[in-house]
Amino acid sequence: MNDEALKFAIVGAGNIGGVTAQAVAAVPQARLTVICDRSETAARRLAETTGAAWETDPERAVQRGDVDVVCVCTPSGLHAEIAVAAAEAGKHLWVEKPLDISLPRIDRIIRAAEEHGIRLTCVFPYRFMLGSQKAAEAVQQGRLGRLVTAEAVVHWYRPQSYYDGSWHGTWKLDGGGALMNQAIHSIDLLQWLAGPVTTVFARTTTRAHQMETEDTAAAVLTFENGALGSIQGSTACFPGEKARVSLHGDQGTIGIEEGRIVSWKLSDARPEEEAEMLRLEQAQASGSQSATGLGYEMHRRQLAQFVEALRSDIVLAVSGAEARKSVEIIRAIYHSSRRGLPVNLPYQDQG
């Protein structure tokens, strides 16, 4: 691609659309040209703050000549239609998590990207925290020894007002509750660090909200490498705590809170290494109490890597196939909970 700034359109002018607009503004080789939302008020408001044009029709927005990349920031259950239309128009794709809410819909997006020769990424900001990356290096180097257990614990809180009159917590547009919308960040990190999951056995329930889907879930996992694991996800735990991923091996333990290292105990560590790891990065704002609490810095880092990939054809940090894995785990958990039985992966739901 040439040296001109890549031109971005954001489809979906809600909270996450605003975060994405901030990230685009912070990347020198990116320029926001179009804001699209079916609500003219929302589209105009974000467009006026960014200097972009605005649209209310997603199909028209993705066809525009002043767009190279489409950022899909709509409710999750609307991702596939917009993403496929954008791919058919030859636009590269930046899609908020989850890529979509079922595996058949995700596979439609991945196929469209492949068929039309466009690049596809999905937003998983925790992977771009320095602590997450150092943990990945340690696992790849075998510094934890034989992995024994790995856990993701997400004890967040959302008030009832978060779900009232909203697409949140609905099967049609959210695809689930505490797992699919909130804990998916930590589930992605868990499977990235600990390796492929081969079985899940789970329970889900709704303890503290009026909503269609779960506000609390627990699952036992088996990993391909033989380690055991677990997932706890909830939006019913007042006042909310930072999400944590923990890795335990026979030669070391690493604890990560929302991408920041809080424990680094390795048998081969230099005396000062743990202190260095704990100082890597200040704690980012947390999503434990608010849907808008994460800020935009990790989005900026991922977007900068995406722009670099578009310009130089390097490997994307989070491809469509990689983004599919966390949804596969979550869909298997829902299936296990309904059946009351373990579910093996690979798993293919029917949508």
Foldseek 3Di string as FASTA:
>chain_A
DDQAAAEEEEEDLDLVSLLLLVLQVPAPSHAYAEYEDLDPVSRVVSCVVRVHHYYDDLLVVLLDPRHQEYEYDHQQLPQLVSLLSNLVSVHAYEYEPQSHQADVSLVSNVVSCVVSVHFYFYDQLLCQFPLLVVLQVCLVVCQLPQWAEKEKEWQFADDQVVAPPDPAQACNRQVAHQQRPPSLSVLLSRCSRVHAWWKKAKAFDDDPYPGDHGQWMKIWTAHPSGHIYMYITHRHHPPFDFMKMWIHGPFWIWIAGSNQTPDTGGNPDDPCRRVCSNPRDDDAFGCRHHPNGRHNPSVSVLVNQVVVCVVPVDDRPGGSVSSVRSSQVVVQRVVNNVVSHMDTPPDHDPD
